[in-house]
Amino acid sequence: MATPLSPHQIHPPFAPYSHGIVVPPGQRLVFCSGQLGIGADKIVPPDCAGQTRICFDNIAAILGEAGMTLANIIRINAYVTGREHLPDYMGVRNVLFAEPYPASTLMIVSGFARPEFVVEIEAIAAGPA
């Protein structure tokens, strides 16, 4: 299991995430490309929460191919197109993850390949070799 790093000499995390994660020796890593909120049926929900759920469902499917789950995620990079999407993104993310929380970055960007997308999420997971 990964070990969270939260040094006492720096400000604690603003949300449920870890400042850093140590991956034990002998683990293998899976790097997931950024996932957009589009389902296999080509439907893009109009809201950030719906798109976020699809992003994490897609990541779960990728990890499943490697015999892993969302619980193996050690790092999340998320991008939203506006500050108004932060609560919806965080609401979905916070339900999916428990301690030890993955390291996480959330950035506001100007947009994605298609204008209907409001969130993109990439992840790194670690699990038994």
N, C-alpha and C. Protein backbone atom coordinates (compact mmCIF):
# COMPACT_ATOMS: atom_id res chain seq x y z
N MET A 1 0.84 -1.19 0.00
CA MET A 1 0.00 0.00 0.00
C MET A 1 0.88 1.25 0.00
N ALA A 2 0.46 2.25 -0.73
CA ALA A 2 1.19 3.51 -0.80
C ALA A 2 1.08 4.24 0.53
N THR A 3 2.11 5.00 0.84
CA THR A 3 2.15 5.75 2.09
C THR A 3 2.03 7.24 1.80
N PRO A 4 1.04 7.92 2.42
CA PRO A 4 0.91 9.36 2.19
C PRO A 4 2.00 10.15 2.90
N LEU A 5 2.36 11.28 2.33
CA LEU A 5 3.34 12.19 2.93
C LEU A 5 2.66 13.53 3.19
N SER A 6 2.63 13.94 4.43
CA SER A 6 2.03 15.22 4.82
C SER A 6 2.92 15.90 5.87
N PRO A 7 3.99 16.52 5.42
CA PRO A 7 4.91 17.17 6.37
C PRO A 7 4.20 18.22 7.23
N HIS A 8 4.52 18.23 8.50
CA HIS A 8 3.88 19.17 9.43
C HIS A 8 4.34 20.61 9.21
N GLN A 9 5.50 20.81 8.56
CA GLN A 9 6.01 22.16 8.37
C GLN A 9 5.41 22.88 7.17
N ILE A 10 4.49 22.23 6.44
CA ILE A 10 3.81 22.90 5.34
C ILE A 10 2.31 22.91 5.61
N HIS A 11 1.60 23.79 4.93
CA HIS A 11 0.16 23.92 5.12
C HIS A 11 -0.52 22.60 4.78
N PRO A 12 -1.48 22.15 5.58
CA PRO A 12 -2.17 20.90 5.26
C PRO A 12 -2.96 21.01 3.96
N PRO A 13 -3.29 19.89 3.36
CA PRO A 13 -4.07 19.92 2.11
C PRO A 13 -5.39 20.67 2.29
N PHE A 14 -5.85 21.31 1.24
CA PHE A 14 -7.10 22.05 1.25
C PHE A 14 -8.32 21.15 1.15
N ALA A 15 -8.12 19.91 0.72
CA ALA A 15 -9.22 18.97 0.50
C ALA A 15 -8.68 17.56 0.76
N PRO A 16 -9.50 16.54 0.56
CA PRO A 16 -9.01 15.17 0.75
C PRO A 16 -8.02 14.74 -0.34
N TYR A 17 -6.76 15.07 -0.14
CA TYR A 17 -5.68 14.59 -0.99
C TYR A 17 -4.42 14.59 -0.15
N SER A 18 -3.37 13.93 -0.63
CA SER A 18 -2.09 13.87 0.06
C SER A 18 -1.10 14.77 -0.67
N HIS A 19 -0.20 15.39 0.10
CA HIS A 19 0.84 16.20 -0.55
C HIS A 19 1.78 15.34 -1.38
N GLY A 20 2.00 14.12 -0.94
CA GLY A 20 2.88 13.20 -1.66
C GLY A 20 2.52 11.77 -1.32
N ILE A 21 3.01 10.85 -2.13
CA ILE A 21 2.75 9.42 -1.95
C ILE A 21 4.06 8.67 -2.19
N VAL A 22 4.37 7.72 -1.31
CA VAL A 22 5.51 6.84 -1.51
C VAL A 22 4.96 5.50 -1.99
N VAL A 23 5.47 5.03 -3.12
CA VAL A 23 5.08 3.74 -3.66
C VAL A 23 6.10 2.70 -3.19
N PRO A 24 5.62 1.62 -2.57
CA PRO A 24 6.56 0.61 -2.08
C PRO A 24 7.34 -0.06 -3.20
N PRO A 25 8.52 -0.57 -2.89
CA PRO A 25 9.31 -1.28 -3.90
C PRO A 25 8.51 -2.47 -4.46
N GLY A 26 8.76 -2.77 -5.72
CA GLY A 26 8.14 -3.93 -6.33
C GLY A 26 6.76 -3.69 -6.90
N GLN A 27 6.25 -2.48 -6.82
CA GLN A 27 4.93 -2.17 -7.38
C GLN A 27 5.08 -1.81 -8.85
N ARG A 28 4.03 -2.06 -9.62
CA ARG A 28 4.04 -1.62 -11.02
C ARG A 28 3.13 -0.41 -11.14
N LEU A 29 3.41 0.42 -12.10
CA LEU A 29 2.67 1.65 -12.29
C LEU A 29 1.84 1.58 -13.57
N VAL A 30 0.65 2.18 -13.53
CA VAL A 30 -0.19 2.34 -14.71
C VAL A 30 -0.46 3.83 -14.87
N PHE A 31 -0.16 4.37 -16.04
CA PHE A 31 -0.37 5.77 -16.35
C PHE A 31 -1.59 5.88 -17.26
N CYS A 32 -2.62 6.56 -16.79
CA CYS A 32 -3.84 6.74 -17.57
C CYS A 32 -3.81 8.09 -18.27
N SER A 33 -4.04 8.08 -19.55
CA SER A 33 -4.17 9.32 -20.30
C SER A 33 -5.37 10.11 -19.79
N GLY A 34 -5.38 11.40 -20.09
CA GLY A 34 -6.51 12.22 -19.70
C GLY A 34 -7.80 11.69 -20.29
N GLN A 35 -8.81 11.57 -19.45
CA GLN A 35 -10.11 11.08 -19.88
C GLN A 35 -11.11 12.22 -19.86
N LEU A 36 -11.92 12.27 -20.91
CA LEU A 36 -12.97 13.28 -21.02
C LEU A 36 -14.31 12.66 -20.66
N GLY A 37 -15.29 13.49 -20.39
CA GLY A 37 -16.60 13.03 -19.96
C GLY A 37 -17.51 12.61 -21.09
N ILE A 38 -17.07 11.65 -21.87
CA ILE A 38 -17.88 11.12 -22.95
C ILE A 38 -18.00 9.61 -22.76
N GLY A 39 -19.24 9.11 -22.79
CA GLY A 39 -19.47 7.69 -22.60
C GLY A 39 -19.23 6.92 -23.88
N ALA A 40 -19.24 5.59 -23.76
CA ALA A 40 -19.09 4.73 -24.93
C ALA A 40 -20.23 4.96 -25.93
N ASP A 41 -21.37 5.44 -25.41
CA ASP A 41 -22.52 5.75 -26.26
C ASP A 41 -22.41 7.11 -26.94
N LYS A 42 -21.28 7.78 -26.76
CA LYS A 42 -20.96 9.09 -27.34
C LYS A 42 -21.74 10.25 -26.72
N ILE A 43 -22.42 9.97 -25.61
CA ILE A 43 -23.17 11.02 -24.92
C ILE A 43 -22.24 11.77 -23.97
N VAL A 44 -22.32 13.10 -24.00
CA VAL A 44 -21.56 13.98 -23.12
C VAL A 44 -22.58 14.67 -22.20
N PRO A 45 -22.57 14.35 -20.90
CA PRO A 45 -23.49 15.04 -20.00
C PRO A 45 -23.24 16.55 -20.02
N PRO A 46 -24.28 17.35 -19.81
CA PRO A 46 -24.10 18.80 -19.85
C PRO A 46 -23.46 19.38 -18.59
N ASP A 47 -23.38 18.58 -17.52
CA ASP A 47 -22.89 19.08 -16.23
C ASP A 47 -21.54 18.47 -15.87
N CYS A 48 -20.80 19.19 -15.04
CA CYS A 48 -19.46 18.75 -14.64
C CYS A 48 -19.52 17.46 -13.82
N ALA A 49 -20.48 17.33 -12.93
CA ALA A 49 -20.57 16.11 -12.11
C ALA A 49 -20.75 14.88 -13.00
N GLY A 50 -21.64 14.97 -13.98
CA GLY A 50 -21.86 13.85 -14.89
C GLY A 50 -20.62 13.52 -15.69
N GLN A 51 -19.94 14.54 -16.19
CA GLN A 51 -18.71 14.31 -16.95
C GLN A 51 -17.62 13.73 -16.05
N THR A 52 -17.55 14.21 -14.81
CA THR A 52 -16.54 13.71 -13.87
C THR A 52 -16.76 12.23 -13.60
N ARG A 53 -18.01 11.83 -13.39
CA ARG A 53 -18.31 10.41 -13.16
C ARG A 53 -17.86 9.55 -14.34
N ILE A 54 -18.13 10.03 -15.56
CA ILE A 54 -17.69 9.28 -16.74
C ILE A 54 -16.17 9.20 -16.79
N CYS A 55 -15.49 10.31 -16.52
CA CYS A 55 -14.02 10.31 -16.51
C CYS A 55 -13.49 9.23 -15.57
N PHE A 56 -14.02 9.20 -14.34
CA PHE A 56 -13.54 8.20 -13.38
C PHE A 56 -13.99 6.79 -13.76
N ASP A 57 -15.16 6.64 -14.37
CA ASP A 57 -15.58 5.32 -14.87
C ASP A 57 -14.62 4.84 -15.95
N ASN A 58 -14.21 5.74 -16.84
CA ASN A 58 -13.26 5.38 -17.89
C ASN A 58 -11.91 4.98 -17.28
N ILE A 59 -11.46 5.73 -16.28
CA ILE A 59 -10.20 5.40 -15.61
C ILE A 59 -10.32 4.05 -14.92
N ALA A 60 -11.46 3.79 -14.28
CA ALA A 60 -11.67 2.50 -13.62
C ALA A 60 -11.60 1.36 -14.64
N ALA A 61 -12.15 1.57 -15.84
CA ALA A 61 -12.10 0.54 -16.88
C ALA A 61 -10.66 0.29 -17.34
N ILE A 62 -9.89 1.36 -17.50
CA ILE A 62 -8.48 1.23 -17.89
C ILE A 62 -7.72 0.46 -16.82
N LEU A 63 -7.92 0.84 -15.56
CA LEU A 63 -7.23 0.16 -14.47
C LEU A 63 -7.67 -1.29 -14.37
N GLY A 64 -8.94 -1.56 -14.64
CA GLY A 64 -9.44 -2.92 -14.62
C GLY A 64 -8.70 -3.83 -15.60
N GLU A 65 -8.31 -3.27 -16.74
CA GLU A 65 -7.53 -4.03 -17.72
C GLU A 65 -6.19 -4.47 -17.13
N ALA A 66 -5.70 -3.73 -16.14
CA ALA A 66 -4.42 -4.05 -15.49
C ALA A 66 -4.63 -4.75 -14.15
N GLY A 67 -5.88 -5.13 -13.85
CA GLY A 67 -6.16 -5.82 -12.58
C GLY A 67 -6.15 -4.89 -11.39
N MET A 68 -6.42 -3.60 -11.62
CA MET A 68 -6.43 -2.61 -10.54
C MET A 68 -7.80 -1.94 -10.47
N THR A 69 -7.98 -1.12 -9.42
CA THR A 69 -9.20 -0.35 -9.22
C THR A 69 -8.83 1.09 -8.91
N LEU A 70 -9.85 1.92 -8.73
CA LEU A 70 -9.59 3.32 -8.33
C LEU A 70 -8.82 3.39 -7.02
N ALA A 71 -8.94 2.38 -6.17
CA ALA A 71 -8.21 2.37 -4.90
C ALA A 71 -6.70 2.33 -5.10
N ASN A 72 -6.24 1.93 -6.29
CA ASN A 72 -4.80 1.89 -6.59
C ASN A 72 -4.25 3.23 -7.06
N ILE A 73 -5.11 4.21 -7.26
CA ILE A 73 -4.63 5.51 -7.76
C ILE A 73 -3.78 6.21 -6.71
N ILE A 74 -2.62 6.67 -7.16
CA ILE A 74 -1.70 7.40 -6.28
C ILE A 74 -1.58 8.87 -6.68
N ARG A 75 -2.03 9.21 -7.88
CA ARG A 75 -1.89 10.58 -8.38
C ARG A 75 -3.04 10.90 -9.32
N ILE A 76 -3.67 12.06 -9.12
CA ILE A 76 -4.72 12.56 -10.00
C ILE A 76 -4.31 13.95 -10.48
N ASN A 77 -4.43 14.17 -11.78
CA ASN A 77 -4.33 15.52 -12.35
C ASN A 77 -5.68 15.80 -12.99
N ALA A 78 -6.35 16.83 -12.55
CA ALA A 78 -7.67 17.17 -13.08
C ALA A 78 -7.66 18.60 -13.60
N TYR A 79 -8.44 18.82 -14.64
CA TYR A 79 -8.51 20.11 -15.29
C TYR A 79 -9.99 20.44 -15.51
N VAL A 80 -10.42 21.62 -15.12
CA VAL A 80 -11.79 22.08 -15.36
C VAL A 80 -11.72 23.42 -16.08
N THR A 81 -12.81 23.76 -16.76
CA THR A 81 -12.80 24.97 -17.58
C THR A 81 -13.29 26.21 -16.84
N GLY A 82 -13.62 26.08 -15.56
CA GLY A 82 -14.04 27.25 -14.81
C GLY A 82 -14.14 26.96 -13.32
N ARG A 83 -13.96 28.00 -12.55
CA ARG A 83 -14.04 27.88 -11.09
C ARG A 83 -15.39 27.33 -10.63
N GLU A 84 -16.45 27.61 -11.40
CA GLU A 84 -17.79 27.14 -11.04
C GLU A 84 -17.90 25.62 -11.07
N HIS A 85 -16.95 24.94 -11.72
CA HIS A 85 -16.99 23.47 -11.80
C HIS A 85 -16.27 22.79 -10.63
N LEU A 86 -15.55 23.55 -9.82
CA LEU A 86 -14.78 22.96 -8.73
C LEU A 86 -15.65 22.15 -7.76
N PRO A 87 -16.78 22.69 -7.26
CA PRO A 87 -17.58 21.90 -6.30
C PRO A 87 -18.11 20.59 -6.87
N ASP A 88 -18.57 20.61 -8.13
CA ASP A 88 -19.08 19.36 -8.73
C ASP A 88 -17.97 18.34 -8.90
N TYR A 89 -16.82 18.77 -9.42
CA TYR A 89 -15.69 17.86 -9.57
C TYR A 89 -15.29 17.27 -8.23
N MET A 90 -15.10 18.15 -7.24
CA MET A 90 -14.63 17.69 -5.93
C MET A 90 -15.67 16.81 -5.24
N GLY A 91 -16.94 17.10 -5.44
CA GLY A 91 -17.99 16.29 -4.85
C GLY A 91 -17.93 14.85 -5.33
N VAL A 92 -17.73 14.66 -6.63
CA VAL A 92 -17.62 13.30 -7.17
C VAL A 92 -16.32 12.65 -6.71
N ARG A 93 -15.21 13.37 -6.85
CA ARG A 93 -13.91 12.81 -6.44
C ARG A 93 -13.92 12.40 -4.99
N ASN A 94 -14.45 13.24 -4.11
CA ASN A 94 -14.38 12.97 -2.68
C ASN A 94 -15.19 11.74 -2.27
N VAL A 95 -16.20 11.38 -3.03
CA VAL A 95 -16.98 10.17 -2.74
C VAL A 95 -16.20 8.91 -3.15
N LEU A 96 -15.36 9.03 -4.15
CA LEU A 96 -14.67 7.87 -4.72
C LEU A 96 -13.40 7.46 -4.00
N PHE A 97 -12.80 8.36 -3.22
CA PHE A 97 -11.50 8.08 -2.64
C PHE A 97 -11.53 8.16 -1.12
N ALA A 98 -10.72 7.31 -0.50
CA ALA A 98 -10.61 7.28 0.96
C ALA A 98 -9.12 7.30 1.31
N GLU A 99 -8.83 7.45 2.57
CA GLU A 99 -7.43 7.47 3.01
C GLU A 99 -6.78 6.12 2.74
N PRO A 100 -5.54 6.10 2.34
CA PRO A 100 -4.70 7.25 2.07
C PRO A 100 -5.08 7.89 0.73
N TYR A 101 -5.34 9.18 0.77
CA TYR A 101 -5.77 9.89 -0.42
C TYR A 101 -4.63 10.00 -1.43
N PRO A 102 -4.96 9.96 -2.72
CA PRO A 102 -3.91 10.16 -3.72
C PRO A 102 -3.40 11.59 -3.70
N ALA A 103 -2.21 11.77 -4.21
CA ALA A 103 -1.73 13.13 -4.48
C ALA A 103 -2.62 13.67 -5.60
N SER A 104 -2.85 14.99 -5.59
CA SER A 104 -3.82 15.53 -6.53
C SER A 104 -3.52 16.97 -6.90
N THR A 105 -3.74 17.29 -8.16
CA THR A 105 -3.65 18.65 -8.65
C THR A 105 -4.92 18.96 -9.42
N LEU A 106 -5.46 20.14 -9.21
CA LEU A 106 -6.67 20.59 -9.90
C LEU A 106 -6.38 21.96 -10.51
N MET A 107 -6.53 22.06 -11.83
CA MET A 107 -6.22 23.31 -12.52
C MET A 107 -7.41 23.79 -13.33
N ILE A 108 -7.50 25.09 -13.47
CA ILE A 108 -8.51 25.70 -14.33
C ILE A 108 -7.83 26.03 -15.65
N VAL A 109 -8.43 25.55 -16.75
CA VAL A 109 -7.86 25.73 -18.08
C VAL A 109 -8.86 26.44 -18.98
N SER A 110 -8.42 26.89 -20.12
CA SER A 110 -9.30 27.65 -21.01
C SER A 110 -10.24 26.78 -21.82
N GLY A 111 -9.94 25.50 -21.98
CA GLY A 111 -10.84 24.65 -22.74
C GLY A 111 -10.17 23.37 -23.19
N PHE A 112 -10.98 22.53 -23.88
CA PHE A 112 -10.52 21.24 -24.37
C PHE A 112 -10.79 21.13 -25.87
N ALA A 113 -10.57 19.96 -26.43
CA ALA A 113 -10.68 19.76 -27.88
C ALA A 113 -12.08 20.08 -28.41
N ARG A 114 -13.11 19.84 -27.60
CA ARG A 114 -14.48 20.17 -28.00
C ARG A 114 -15.10 21.03 -26.91
N PRO A 115 -15.89 22.02 -27.28
CA PRO A 115 -16.38 22.99 -26.29
C PRO A 115 -17.33 22.42 -25.23
N GLU A 116 -17.98 21.29 -25.49
CA GLU A 116 -18.90 20.73 -24.50
C GLU A 116 -18.19 20.07 -23.32
N PHE A 117 -16.90 19.79 -23.45
CA PHE A 117 -16.17 19.19 -22.35
C PHE A 117 -15.79 20.26 -21.32
N VAL A 118 -16.03 19.95 -20.04
CA VAL A 118 -15.68 20.91 -18.97
C VAL A 118 -14.68 20.33 -17.98
N VAL A 119 -14.34 19.04 -18.11
CA VAL A 119 -13.39 18.42 -17.19
C VAL A 119 -12.60 17.34 -17.92
N GLU A 120 -11.33 17.21 -17.55
CA GLU A 120 -10.48 16.12 -18.03
C GLU A 120 -9.67 15.64 -16.84
N ILE A 121 -9.52 14.32 -16.72
CA ILE A 121 -8.83 13.74 -15.57
C ILE A 121 -7.83 12.70 -16.05
N GLU A 122 -6.61 12.78 -15.54
CA GLU A 122 -5.60 11.75 -15.78
C GLU A 122 -5.17 11.20 -14.43
N ALA A 123 -4.67 9.97 -14.43
CA ALA A 123 -4.32 9.32 -13.16
C ALA A 123 -3.12 8.41 -13.32
N ILE A 124 -2.45 8.19 -12.20
CA ILE A 124 -1.39 7.20 -12.09
C ILE A 124 -1.78 6.26 -10.96
N ALA A 125 -1.65 4.97 -11.21
CA ALA A 125 -1.99 3.96 -10.21
C ALA A 125 -0.78 3.06 -9.97
N ALA A 126 -0.72 2.49 -8.77
CA ALA A 126 0.34 1.56 -8.41
C ALA A 126 -0.29 0.34 -7.77
N GLY A 127 0.22 -0.84 -8.14
CA GLY A 127 -0.31 -2.07 -7.58
C GLY A 127 0.73 -3.18 -7.64
N PRO A 128 0.37 -4.32 -7.11
CA PRO A 128 1.32 -5.44 -7.08
C PRO A 128 1.83 -5.80 -8.47
N ALA A 129 3.10 -6.14 -8.52
CA ALA A 129 3.73 -6.51 -9.79
C ALA A 129 3.23 -7.86 -10.26
